Amino acid sequence: MRGTVPGLPTPHPLLHQLPAVYLDHDFLERFLGALDEVLAPVLLVLDNLPAHLDPRTAPEDLLDWIAGWVAAQTDPERPVERRRETVTRTVRRHQLRGTRRGLAEAVRLETGVSPQIVESGAASWSATPLAPLPGEPGDWVTVRVRVPDPERVDRARLERLVADEVPAHVRYRVEVLPADGAAGSVAGGAS
């Protein structure tokens, strides 16, 4: 949390805002100096507000706060640069949410690798009223991630991510496989 910083110089000393007749008063100089010490962090934050609100330059303790504004899922255990990238890309990801491209980017940010995504396809229709829809029933998507060590991937977190990213009516399956193609683990569900 933001607070006072001992010895932080103020960019706008209060004593210098007064008429010259008050500059020689010892009490006034000490009193305004104490106020300057309390107000210096506030003034410096306000002077640098755009940098504090930009996830690329925000102080680390404000990054999670900004992440909450844009509904970015950040993990405090991750390196700060990866968290900054997640917050920066979240707004763009919201525009792509529910799409194949948005899902791929979300999985790439989570795992560091580009996934293979297989889906049932786009919309289907029938020219005959009330006829069953052509093709395979229902919508589904399979997200396949190939990583060097599948045991190091947080499968539950990855599955929650996929469940949050796909549309509510779409069934999904998550496969975490070794990069060399050997057998791996599979998780699935419906959101």
Protein backbone atom coordinates (compact mmCIF):
# COMPACT_ATOMS: atom_id res chain seq x y z
CA MET A 1 0.00 0.00 0.00
CA ARG A 2 1.18 3.51 -0.72
CA GLY A 3 2.32 5.61 2.22
CA THR A 4 4.89 8.12 3.37
CA VAL A 5 8.49 7.74 2.30
CA PRO A 6 10.97 9.23 4.79
CA GLY A 7 13.22 11.87 3.26
CA LEU A 8 11.37 11.99 -0.07
CA PRO A 9 11.80 15.46 -1.55
CA THR A 10 8.65 17.30 -2.51
CA PRO A 11 8.34 18.68 -6.03
CA HIS A 12 6.35 21.68 -4.76
CA PRO A 13 7.48 22.88 -1.26
CA LEU A 14 4.59 24.60 0.54
CA LEU A 15 6.85 27.22 2.13
CA HIS A 16 7.79 28.52 -1.32
CA GLN A 17 4.11 28.99 -2.15
CA LEU A 18 3.79 31.68 0.57
CA PRO A 19 4.68 35.36 0.34
CA ALA A 20 8.33 36.19 1.14
CA VAL A 21 7.41 37.76 4.49
CA TYR A 22 6.74 34.28 5.95
CA LEU A 23 10.02 32.66 4.81
CA ASP A 24 11.91 33.56 8.00
CA HIS A 25 9.43 32.07 10.49
CA ASP A 26 11.01 29.01 12.10
CA PHE A 27 7.72 27.45 13.28
CA LEU A 28 6.07 27.89 9.88
CA GLU A 29 9.09 26.36 8.14
CA ARG A 30 9.01 23.25 10.41
CA PHE A 31 5.20 22.93 10.21
CA LEU A 32 5.09 23.17 6.41
CA GLY A 33 8.14 20.89 6.16
CA ALA A 34 6.19 18.20 8.04
CA LEU A 35 3.25 18.64 5.69
CA ASP A 36 5.60 18.46 2.71
CA GLU A 37 6.89 15.10 3.95
CA VAL A 38 3.35 13.72 4.17
CA LEU A 39 2.21 15.19 0.84
CA ALA A 40 5.36 14.41 -1.20
CA PRO A 41 4.32 10.80 -2.09
CA VAL A 42 0.83 11.98 -3.07
CA LEU A 43 2.16 14.74 -5.31
CA LEU A 44 4.70 12.44 -6.94
CA VAL A 45 2.05 9.78 -7.62
CA LEU A 46 -0.26 12.40 -9.15
CA ASP A 47 2.59 13.78 -11.26
CA ASN A 48 3.27 10.24 -12.55
CA LEU A 49 -0.30 8.96 -12.67
CA PRO A 50 -0.18 7.77 -16.30
CA ALA A 51 2.89 5.66 -15.51
CA HIS A 52 1.18 4.24 -12.40
CA LEU A 53 -1.88 3.17 -14.40
CA ASP A 54 0.03 1.58 -17.29
CA PRO A 55 0.65 -2.13 -16.52
CA ARG A 56 4.00 -1.94 -18.34
CA THR A 57 5.36 0.70 -15.92
CA ALA A 58 3.15 0.50 -12.81
CA PRO A 59 4.84 -0.20 -9.48
CA GLU A 60 4.65 -3.89 -8.67
CA ASP A 61 2.31 -3.36 -5.72
CA LEU A 62 -0.24 -1.61 -7.99
CA LEU A 63 -0.08 -4.24 -10.74
CA ASP A 64 -2.54 -6.62 -9.06
CA TRP A 65 -4.90 -3.71 -8.42
CA ILE A 66 -4.86 -2.79 -12.13
CA ALA A 67 -5.34 -6.48 -12.98
CA GLY A 68 -8.56 -6.41 -10.97
CA TRP A 69 -9.85 -3.48 -13.03
CA VAL A 70 -9.62 -5.43 -16.28
CA ALA A 71 -10.43 -8.88 -14.79
CA ALA A 72 -6.96 -10.25 -15.55
CA GLN A 73 -6.06 -13.50 -13.80
CA THR A 74 -2.57 -12.98 -12.35
CA ASP A 75 -0.62 -15.27 -10.08
CA PRO A 76 1.61 -13.51 -7.51
CA GLU A 77 4.03 -16.45 -7.74
CA ARG A 78 4.83 -15.65 -11.38
CA PRO A 79 7.62 -13.28 -12.41
CA VAL A 80 6.53 -9.65 -12.54
CA GLU A 81 7.27 -9.30 -16.28
CA ARG A 82 4.96 -12.20 -17.10
CA ARG A 83 2.23 -10.66 -14.89
CA ARG A 84 2.70 -7.32 -16.68
CA GLU A 85 2.29 -9.05 -20.05
CA THR A 86 -0.87 -10.80 -18.84
CA VAL A 87 -2.48 -7.55 -17.68
CA THR A 88 -1.43 -5.68 -20.83
CA ARG A 89 -2.93 -8.30 -23.13
CA THR A 90 -6.11 -8.89 -21.14
CA VAL A 91 -8.11 -6.04 -22.69
CA ARG A 92 -7.29 -7.31 -26.18
CA ARG A 93 -8.12 -10.84 -25.04
CA HIS A 94 -11.56 -9.70 -23.87
CA GLN A 95 -12.27 -8.68 -27.46
CA LEU A 96 -11.29 -12.16 -28.64
CA ARG A 97 -12.97 -14.08 -25.81
CA GLY A 98 -14.98 -17.06 -27.04
CA THR A 99 -12.98 -17.32 -30.26
CA ARG A 100 -10.35 -19.86 -31.27
CA ARG A 101 -7.70 -17.14 -31.44
CA GLY A 102 -8.60 -15.84 -27.97
CA LEU A 103 -8.45 -19.34 -26.49
CA ALA A 104 -5.06 -19.99 -28.11
CA GLU A 105 -3.63 -16.75 -26.72
CA ALA A 106 -4.98 -17.43 -23.23
CA VAL A 107 -3.43 -20.92 -23.18
CA ARG A 108 -0.15 -19.59 -24.57
CA LEU A 109 0.03 -16.96 -21.82
CA GLU A 110 -0.71 -19.61 -19.19
CA THR A 111 1.67 -22.33 -20.38
CA GLY A 112 4.22 -20.49 -22.53
CA VAL A 113 3.53 -22.73 -25.55
CA SER A 114 1.07 -22.45 -28.43
CA PRO A 115 -1.67 -25.07 -28.18
CA GLN A 116 -3.18 -27.21 -30.88
CA ILE A 117 -6.93 -26.54 -30.96
CA VAL A 118 -9.39 -28.87 -32.65
CA GLU A 119 -13.05 -27.87 -32.73
CA SER A 120 -16.34 -29.12 -34.11
CA GLY A 121 -16.52 -26.26 -36.54
CA ALA A 122 -18.64 -23.21 -37.02
CA ALA A 123 -22.43 -23.01 -36.99
CA SER A 124 -24.59 -25.50 -38.82
CA TRP A 125 -28.13 -25.18 -40.14
CA SER A 126 -30.83 -27.08 -41.95
CA ALA A 127 -33.06 -25.93 -44.77
CA THR A 128 -35.92 -28.04 -43.39
CA PRO A 129 -37.79 -26.48 -40.46
CA LEU A 130 -37.52 -28.42 -37.17
CA ALA A 131 -35.16 -30.98 -38.75
CA PRO A 132 -32.17 -32.19 -36.75
CA LEU A 133 -29.03 -30.21 -37.39
CA PRO A 134 -26.56 -31.82 -39.80
CA GLY A 135 -23.22 -33.13 -38.64
CA GLU A 136 -22.01 -34.09 -35.20
CA PRO A 137 -24.36 -33.12 -32.37
CA GLY A 138 -23.23 -30.27 -30.15
CA ASP A 139 -20.24 -28.02 -30.14
CA TRP A 140 -16.92 -29.18 -28.71
CA VAL A 141 -13.29 -28.12 -28.57
CA THR A 142 -10.10 -30.01 -27.73
CA VAL A 143 -7.09 -28.07 -26.48
CA ARG A 144 -3.84 -30.00 -26.84
CA VAL A 145 -0.73 -28.60 -25.14
CA ARG A 146 2.69 -30.15 -25.73
CA VAL A 147 5.22 -29.23 -23.04
CA PRO A 148 8.62 -30.64 -22.08
CA ASP A 149 7.38 -31.79 -18.64
CA PRO A 150 3.60 -32.33 -18.36
CA GLU A 151 3.87 -32.89 -14.60
CA ARG A 152 4.91 -29.26 -14.10
CA VAL A 153 1.70 -27.91 -15.70
CA ASP A 154 -1.07 -27.01 -13.26
CA ARG A 155 -3.78 -29.02 -14.99
CA ALA A 156 -6.62 -27.80 -12.77
CA ARG A 157 -5.69 -24.17 -13.45
CA LEU A 158 -5.40 -24.85 -17.19
CA GLU A 159 -8.79 -26.56 -17.25
CA ARG A 160 -10.40 -23.64 -15.36
CA LEU A 161 -8.85 -21.26 -17.90
CA VAL A 162 -10.27 -23.21 -20.84
CA ALA A 163 -13.68 -23.43 -19.12
CA ASP A 164 -13.65 -19.64 -18.68
CA GLU A 165 -12.56 -18.95 -22.25
CA VAL A 166 -14.90 -21.18 -24.27
CA PRO A 167 -18.57 -20.23 -24.70
CA ALA A 168 -20.86 -21.68 -22.02
CA HIS A 169 -22.57 -24.20 -24.34
CA VAL A 170 -19.34 -25.69 -25.71
CA ARG A 171 -17.99 -28.96 -24.35
CA TYR A 172 -14.21 -28.99 -23.97
CA ARG A 173 -11.33 -31.39 -23.47
CA VAL A 174 -7.82 -30.49 -22.30
CA GLU A 175 -4.84 -32.70 -23.16
CA VAL A 176 -1.40 -32.06 -21.68
CA LEU A 177 1.18 -34.10 -23.58
CA PRO A 178 4.96 -34.34 -23.56
CA ALA A 179 6.66 -32.39 -26.34
CA ASP A 180 8.16 -35.59 -27.75
CA GLY A 181 4.70 -37.12 -28.33
CA ALA A 182 4.71 -39.79 -25.57
CA ALA A 183 1.56 -40.44 -23.53
CA GLY A 184 0.35 -37.65 -21.26
CA SER A 185 -2.67 -36.70 -19.19
CA VAL A 186 -6.13 -35.77 -20.36
CA ALA A 187 -8.79 -33.71 -18.59
CA GLY A 188 -12.22 -32.81 -19.86
CA GLY A 189 -15.49 -31.21 -18.92
CA ALA A 190 -18.30 -29.00 -19.98
CA SER A 191 -18.62 -25.39 -19.12
